[in-house]
Amino acid sequence: MLNKKSIEEELDKFLKLPPAVNKHLAMRYFIPEWDDKVDASYDFIRDEFSANRNAYTDDIYAHQIYGQGNYDGILVSKVIVDKKKVKEPI
């Protein structure tokens, strides 16, 4: 039975590909910015949104809940950013 390394070596031989130059680097994670926001005061016990919530003005990005980002970057669409008259920090 072939292990993962053997399979990768055999596949590289078959495809005749040079090793990737960045193979030694750690995986990086980029979160897409889709305007997916959350109610930071959501009541999970009662399964209810916060009282008098205005989703447009009160909600925040999920990654803003944490003190430090749990990602390496945020992917944004240049077209969308260029269209906005007011630029908001993410």
C-alpha atoms as a PDB file:
ATOM      1  CA  MET A   1       0.000   0.000   0.000  1.00  0.00           C
ATOM      2  CA  LEU A   2       1.324   3.432  -0.953  1.00  0.00           C
ATOM      3  CA  ASN A   3       1.511   6.190   1.614  1.00  0.00           C
ATOM      4  CA  LYS A   4       0.732   9.844   0.856  1.00  0.00           C
ATOM      5  CA  LYS A   5       4.370  10.764   0.223  1.00  0.00           C
ATOM      6  CA  SER A   6       4.815   7.858  -2.206  1.00  0.00           C
ATOM      7  CA  ILE A   7       1.668   8.821  -4.079  1.00  0.00           C
ATOM      8  CA  GLU A   8       2.840  12.450  -4.359  1.00  0.00           C
ATOM      9  CA  GLU A   9       6.282  11.313  -5.610  1.00  0.00           C
ATOM     10  CA  GLU A  10       4.721   9.000  -8.195  1.00  0.00           C
ATOM     11  CA  LEU A  11       2.332  11.711  -9.346  1.00  0.00           C
ATOM     12  CA  ASP A  12       5.203  14.228  -9.674  1.00  0.00           C
ATOM     13  CA  LYS A  13       7.137  11.718 -11.799  1.00  0.00           C
ATOM     14  CA  PHE A  14       4.107  11.088 -13.984  1.00  0.00           C
ATOM     15  CA  LEU A  15       3.299  14.779 -14.467  1.00  0.00           C
ATOM     16  CA  LYS A  16       6.998  15.778 -14.625  1.00  0.00           C
ATOM     17  CA  LEU A  17       6.382  18.794 -12.419  1.00  0.00           C
ATOM     18  CA  PRO A  18       9.138  20.592 -10.522  1.00  0.00           C
ATOM     19  CA  PRO A  19       8.536  20.943  -6.778  1.00  0.00           C
ATOM     20  CA  ALA A  20       6.620  24.064  -5.793  1.00  0.00           C
ATOM     21  CA  VAL A  21       8.927  26.878  -4.707  1.00  0.00           C
ATOM     22  CA  ASN A  22       6.623  27.818  -1.822  1.00  0.00           C
ATOM     23  CA  LYS A  23       6.053  24.298  -0.483  1.00  0.00           C
ATOM     24  CA  HIS A  24       8.007  25.134   2.691  1.00  0.00           C
ATOM     25  CA  LEU A  25       5.644  28.004   3.603  1.00  0.00           C
ATOM     26  CA  ALA A  26       2.724  27.573   5.974  1.00  0.00           C
ATOM     27  CA  MET A  27      -0.839  27.653   4.684  1.00  0.00           C
ATOM     28  CA  ARG A  28      -2.312  31.170   4.650  1.00  0.00           C
ATOM     29  CA  TYR A  29      -5.994  31.843   5.188  1.00  0.00           C
ATOM     30  CA  PHE A  30      -7.841  34.718   3.554  1.00  0.00           C
ATOM     31  CA  ILE A  31     -11.431  35.387   4.523  1.00  0.00           C
ATOM     32  CA  PRO A  32     -13.697  36.774   1.785  1.00  0.00           C
ATOM     33  CA  GLU A  33     -15.502  40.026   2.552  1.00  0.00           C
ATOM     34  CA  TRP A  34     -19.111  39.394   1.532  1.00  0.00           C
ATOM     35  CA  ASP A  35     -20.809  41.860   3.873  1.00  0.00           C
ATOM     36  CA  ASP A  36     -21.747  38.866   6.017  1.00  0.00           C
ATOM     37  CA  LYS A  37     -22.318  40.497   9.365  1.00  0.00           C
ATOM     38  CA  VAL A  38     -23.533  39.135  12.682  1.00  0.00           C
ATOM     39  CA  ASP A  39     -25.429  40.384  15.718  1.00  0.00           C
ATOM     40  CA  ALA A  40     -22.663  40.636  18.334  1.00  0.00           C
ATOM     41  CA  SER A  41     -25.270  40.520  21.133  1.00  0.00           C
ATOM     42  CA  TYR A  42     -27.188  37.519  19.779  1.00  0.00           C
ATOM     43  CA  ASP A  43     -28.813  35.523  22.600  1.00  0.00           C
ATOM     44  CA  PHE A  44     -27.920  31.899  21.934  1.00  0.00           C
ATOM     45  CA  ILE A  45     -29.841  30.633  24.969  1.00  0.00           C
ATOM     46  CA  ARG A  46     -33.149  32.109  23.772  1.00  0.00           C
ATOM     47  CA  ASP A  47     -32.193  31.922  20.081  1.00  0.00           C
ATOM     48  CA  GLU A  48     -33.084  35.603  19.606  1.00  0.00           C
ATOM     49  CA  PHE A  49     -31.506  38.656  18.040  1.00  0.00           C
ATOM     50  CA  SER A  50     -30.791  41.620  20.328  1.00  0.00           C
ATOM     51  CA  ALA A  51     -33.693  43.975  21.033  1.00  0.00           C
ATOM     52  CA  ASN A  52     -34.110  47.021  18.778  1.00  0.00           C
ATOM     53  CA  ARG A  53     -31.422  45.703  16.463  1.00  0.00           C
ATOM     54  CA  ASN A  54     -30.840  47.433  13.151  1.00  0.00           C
ATOM     55  CA  ALA A  55     -28.913  44.889  11.097  1.00  0.00           C
ATOM     56  CA  TYR A  56     -27.552  47.560   8.754  1.00  0.00           C
ATOM     57  CA  THR A  57     -26.025  49.787  11.446  1.00  0.00           C
ATOM     58  CA  ASP A  58     -25.582  47.508  14.483  1.00  0.00           C
ATOM     59  CA  ASP A  59     -24.182  44.280  13.068  1.00  0.00           C
ATOM     60  CA  ILE A  60     -20.441  43.675  12.802  1.00  0.00           C
ATOM     61  CA  TYR A  61     -18.204  41.368  10.811  1.00  0.00           C
ATOM     62  CA  ALA A  62     -17.736  38.004  12.522  1.00  0.00           C
ATOM     63  CA  HIS A  63     -13.963  38.499  12.681  1.00  0.00           C
ATOM     64  CA  GLN A  64     -14.437  41.752  14.645  1.00  0.00           C
ATOM     65  CA  ILE A  65     -15.692  39.742  17.634  1.00  0.00           C
ATOM     66  CA  TYR A  66     -12.169  38.500  18.309  1.00  0.00           C
ATOM     67  CA  GLY A  67      -9.401  40.649  19.752  1.00  0.00           C
ATOM     68  CA  GLN A  68      -6.998  39.448  17.089  1.00  0.00           C
ATOM     69  CA  GLY A  69      -7.723  38.374  13.530  1.00  0.00           C
ATOM     70  CA  ASN A  70      -7.945  34.632  12.950  1.00  0.00           C
ATOM     71  CA  TYR A  71      -6.894  35.005   9.320  1.00  0.00           C
ATOM     72  CA  ASP A  72      -3.973  36.300   7.254  1.00  0.00           C
ATOM     73  CA  GLY A  73      -5.960  38.781   5.192  1.00  0.00           C
ATOM     74  CA  ILE A  74      -9.315  39.769   3.755  1.00  0.00           C
ATOM     75  CA  LEU A  75     -10.180  39.427   0.078  1.00  0.00           C
ATOM     76  CA  VAL A  76     -12.156  42.361  -1.258  1.00  0.00           C
ATOM     77  CA  SER A  77     -13.410  43.210  -4.709  1.00  0.00           C
ATOM     78  CA  LYS A  78     -11.712  46.312  -6.105  1.00  0.00           C
ATOM     79  CA  VAL A  79     -14.817  47.067  -8.167  1.00  0.00           C
ATOM     80  CA  ILE A  80     -17.009  47.114  -5.052  1.00  0.00           C
ATOM     81  CA  VAL A  81     -14.517  49.222  -3.084  1.00  0.00           C
ATOM     82  CA  ASP A  82     -14.200  51.731  -5.912  1.00  0.00           C
ATOM     83  CA  LYS A  83     -18.006  52.075  -6.151  1.00  0.00           C
ATOM     84  CA  LYS A  84     -18.479  52.948  -2.457  1.00  0.00           C
ATOM     85  CA  LYS A  85     -18.573  56.648  -1.695  1.00  0.00           C
ATOM     86  CA  VAL A  86     -17.701  56.120   1.991  1.00  0.00           C
ATOM     87  CA  LYS A  87     -14.836  53.764   2.814  1.00  0.00           C
ATOM     88  CA  GLU A  88     -15.281  51.754   6.016  1.00  0.00           C
ATOM     89  CA  PRO A  89     -12.457  50.007   7.871  1.00  0.00           C
ATOM     90  CA  ILE A  90     -12.945  46.274   7.984  1.00  0.00           C
END
